[in-house]
C-alpha atoms as a PDB file:
ATOM      1  CA  MET A   1      12.549 -29.729 -15.328  1.00  0.00           C
ATOM      2  CA  ILE A   2      12.026 -32.066 -18.313  1.00  0.00           C
ATOM      3  CA  LEU A   3      10.478 -34.931 -16.303  1.00  0.00           C
ATOM      4  CA  LEU A   4       7.924 -32.430 -14.521  1.00  0.00           C
ATOM      5  CA  ALA A   5       6.921 -31.064 -18.300  1.00  0.00           C
ATOM      6  CA  THR A   6       6.294 -34.761 -19.425  1.00  0.00           C
ATOM      7  CA  VAL A   7       4.124 -35.290 -16.668  1.00  0.00           C
ATOM      8  CA  ILE A   8       2.391 -32.485 -16.837  1.00  0.00           C
ATOM      9  CA  CYS A   9       1.670 -33.092 -20.593  1.00  0.00           C
ATOM     10  CA  LEU A  10       0.890 -36.935 -20.050  1.00  0.00           C
ATOM     11  CA  ILE A  11      -2.221 -35.871 -17.303  1.00  0.00           C
ATOM     12  CA  PRO A  12      -4.513 -35.279 -19.935  1.00  0.00           C
ATOM     13  CA  ALA A  13      -3.911 -38.299 -21.675  1.00  0.00           C
ATOM     14  CA  GLY A  14      -3.993 -40.269 -18.276  1.00  0.00           C
ATOM     15  CA  VAL A  15      -7.630 -38.728 -17.440  1.00  0.00           C
ATOM     16  CA  SER A  16      -8.628 -39.901 -20.914  1.00  0.00           C
ATOM     17  CA  TYR A  17      -7.148 -43.430 -20.584  1.00  0.00           C
ATOM     18  CA  VAL A  18      -8.600 -44.255 -16.981  1.00  0.00           C
ATOM     19  CA  SER A  19     -12.030 -42.547 -18.072  1.00  0.00           C
ATOM     20  CA  ALA A  20     -12.176 -44.925 -21.061  1.00  0.00           C
ATOM     21  CA  MET A  21     -11.328 -48.198 -19.005  1.00  0.00           C
ATOM     22  CA  MET A  22     -13.834 -47.411 -16.578  1.00  0.00           C
ATOM     23  CA  GLY A  23     -16.631 -47.600 -19.012  1.00  0.00           C
ATOM     24  CA  ARG A  24     -18.369 -51.077 -18.838  1.00  0.00           C
ATOM     25  CA  TYR A  25     -17.625 -52.893 -21.909  1.00  0.00           C
ATOM     26  CA  ASN A  26     -17.567 -56.667 -22.377  1.00  0.00           C
ATOM     27  CA  VAL A  27     -14.114 -56.601 -23.784  1.00  0.00           C
ATOM     28  CA  SER A  28     -10.884 -57.057 -22.046  1.00  0.00           C
ATOM     29  CA  LEU A  29      -8.530 -54.332 -20.749  1.00  0.00           C
ATOM     30  CA  GLY A  30      -5.878 -55.306 -23.207  1.00  0.00           C
ATOM     31  CA  ILE A  31      -8.513 -54.845 -26.081  1.00  0.00           C
ATOM     32  CA  GLU A  32      -9.980 -51.882 -24.637  1.00  0.00           C
ATOM     33  CA  SER A  33      -6.408 -50.354 -24.236  1.00  0.00           C
ATOM     34  CA  VAL A  34      -5.371 -50.918 -27.808  1.00  0.00           C
ATOM     35  CA  GLU A  35      -8.538 -49.549 -28.991  1.00  0.00           C
ATOM     36  CA  TRP A  36      -8.140 -46.452 -26.965  1.00  0.00           C
ATOM     37  CA  LEU A  37      -4.658 -46.044 -28.299  1.00  0.00           C
ATOM     38  CA  ARG A  38      -5.988 -46.845 -31.881  1.00  0.00           C
ATOM     39  CA  ASN A  39      -8.521 -43.694 -31.367  1.00  0.00           C
ATOM     40  CA  HIS A  40      -5.980 -41.321 -29.920  1.00  0.00           C
ATOM     41  CA  GLY A  41      -3.402 -41.440 -32.749  1.00  0.00           C
ATOM     42  CA  GLY A  42      -1.444 -44.800 -32.218  1.00  0.00           C
ATOM     43  CA  ASN A  43      -3.035 -46.145 -35.362  1.00  0.00           C
ATOM     44  CA  GLY A  44       0.277 -46.686 -36.890  1.00  0.00           C
ATOM     45  CA  LEU A  45       2.069 -47.912 -33.894  1.00  0.00           C
ATOM     46  CA  VAL A  46      -0.925 -50.702 -32.992  1.00  0.00           C
ATOM     47  CA  SER A  47      -0.674 -51.803 -36.810  1.00  0.00           C
ATOM     48  CA  GLN A  48       3.185 -52.304 -36.755  1.00  0.00           C
ATOM     49  CA  VAL A  49       2.726 -54.530 -33.490  1.00  0.00           C
ATOM     50  CA  GLU A  50       0.149 -56.227 -35.037  1.00  0.00           C
ATOM     51  CA  ASP A  51       2.059 -57.020 -38.083  1.00  0.00           C
ATOM     52  CA  TRP A  52       5.054 -58.544 -36.123  1.00  0.00           C
ATOM     53  CA  TYR A  53       2.868 -60.480 -34.062  1.00  0.00           C
ATOM     54  CA  TYR A  54       1.078 -62.438 -36.714  1.00  0.00           C
ATOM     55  CA  THR A  55       4.317 -62.678 -38.735  1.00  0.00           C
ATOM     56  CA  LEU A  56       5.780 -64.436 -35.709  1.00  0.00           C
ATOM     57  CA  ASN A  57       2.568 -66.713 -34.971  1.00  0.00           C
ATOM     58  CA  ALA A  58       1.320 -67.342 -38.509  1.00  0.00           C
ATOM     59  CA  PRO A  59      -0.310 -70.407 -38.934  1.00  0.00           C
ATOM     60  CA  SER A  60       1.376 -73.273 -40.999  1.00  0.00           C
ATOM     61  CA  LYS A  61       0.696 -73.223 -44.841  1.00  0.00           C
ATOM     62  CA  GLY A  62      -0.767 -75.836 -46.966  1.00  0.00           C
ATOM     63  CA  GLY A  63      -3.445 -78.328 -45.318  1.00  0.00           C
ATOM     64  CA  PRO A  64      -5.357 -81.273 -46.944  1.00  0.00           C
ATOM     65  CA  PRO A  65      -5.713 -80.748 -50.979  1.00  0.00           C
ATOM     66  CA  LEU A  66      -9.422 -80.773 -52.158  1.00  0.00           C
ATOM     67  CA  LEU A  67     -10.444 -84.202 -53.893  1.00  0.00           C
ATOM     68  CA  SER A  68     -13.434 -82.459 -55.691  1.00  0.00           C
ATOM     69  CA  LEU A  69     -14.710 -79.089 -56.171  1.00  0.00           C
ATOM     70  CA  PRO A  70     -17.785 -78.146 -53.962  1.00  0.00           C
ATOM     71  CA  ARG A  71     -21.152 -78.907 -55.626  1.00  0.00           C
ATOM     72  CA  VAL A  72     -22.835 -75.488 -56.236  1.00  0.00           C
ATOM     73  CA  GLY A  73     -25.511 -74.051 -58.014  1.00  0.00           C
ATOM     74  CA  VAL A  74     -27.919 -76.220 -60.334  1.00  0.00           C
ATOM     75  CA  GLY A  75     -26.305 -79.204 -59.841  1.00  0.00           C
ATOM     76  CA  ALA A  76     -26.004 -79.026 -56.198  1.00  0.00           C
ATOM     77  CA  GLY A  77     -29.796 -80.178 -55.665  1.00  0.00           C
ATOM     78  CA  LEU A  78     -31.403 -77.212 -56.760  1.00  0.00           C
ATOM     79  CA  THR A  79     -34.165 -77.000 -59.194  1.00  0.00           C
ATOM     80  CA  PRO A  80     -34.803 -74.382 -61.383  1.00  0.00           C
ATOM     81  CA  ALA A  81     -38.303 -73.941 -59.801  1.00  0.00           C
ATOM     82  CA  LYS A  82     -36.849 -73.490 -56.758  1.00  0.00           C
ATOM     83  CA  TRP A  83     -33.934 -70.724 -57.732  1.00  0.00           C
ATOM     84  CA  LEU A  84     -36.103 -68.918 -60.409  1.00  0.00           C
ATOM     85  CA  ALA A  85     -39.049 -68.569 -57.785  1.00  0.00           C
ATOM     86  CA  PRO A  86     -40.854 -65.438 -58.881  1.00  0.00           C
ATOM     87  CA  SER A  87     -40.554 -64.287 -55.293  1.00  0.00           C
ATOM     88  CA  ALA A  88     -36.652 -64.021 -55.899  1.00  0.00           C
ATOM     89  CA  TRP A  89     -37.060 -61.391 -58.497  1.00  0.00           C
ATOM     90  CA  PRO A  90     -37.869 -57.620 -57.857  1.00  0.00           C
ATOM     91  CA  ILE A  91     -41.185 -56.091 -59.517  1.00  0.00           C
ATOM     92  CA  ARG A  92     -40.763 -54.819 -63.078  1.00  0.00           C
ATOM     93  CA  ILE A  93     -40.355 -51.315 -63.540  1.00  0.00           C
ATOM     94  CA  GLY A  94     -43.272 -49.913 -64.498  1.00  0.00           C
ATOM     95  CA  HIS A  95     -45.258 -52.545 -62.850  1.00  0.00           C
ATOM     96  CA  ARG A  96     -47.883 -51.008 -60.413  1.00  0.00           C
ATOM     97  CA  ALA A  97     -48.567 -53.274 -57.569  1.00  0.00           C
ATOM     98  CA  SER A  98     -52.312 -53.313 -56.647  1.00  0.00           C
ATOM     99  CA  SER A  99     -53.181 -51.395 -53.672  1.00  0.00           C
ATOM    100  CA  PRO A 100     -56.034 -53.271 -51.071  1.00  0.00           C
END
């Protein structure tokens, strides 16, 4: 009796899942299944499984240290004429553009 009640309750979920998987998407069945589960109340479960996966498969820490900081701003080869160009600034408030 409990098995029959469970099957009857799962029929709408199965129909929803199958109809979602029959759509034409450019993603794999696994990704689409996870997105369906998220959209139907399984966000906490998916987040927990992703947390476990990324904890177990974390990339190694560290890497080569920087020898110097990257050059940005004026010292990186930009001249004030390039980064203070009039087109880079918005129109002043109260200034009216001429109409053609």
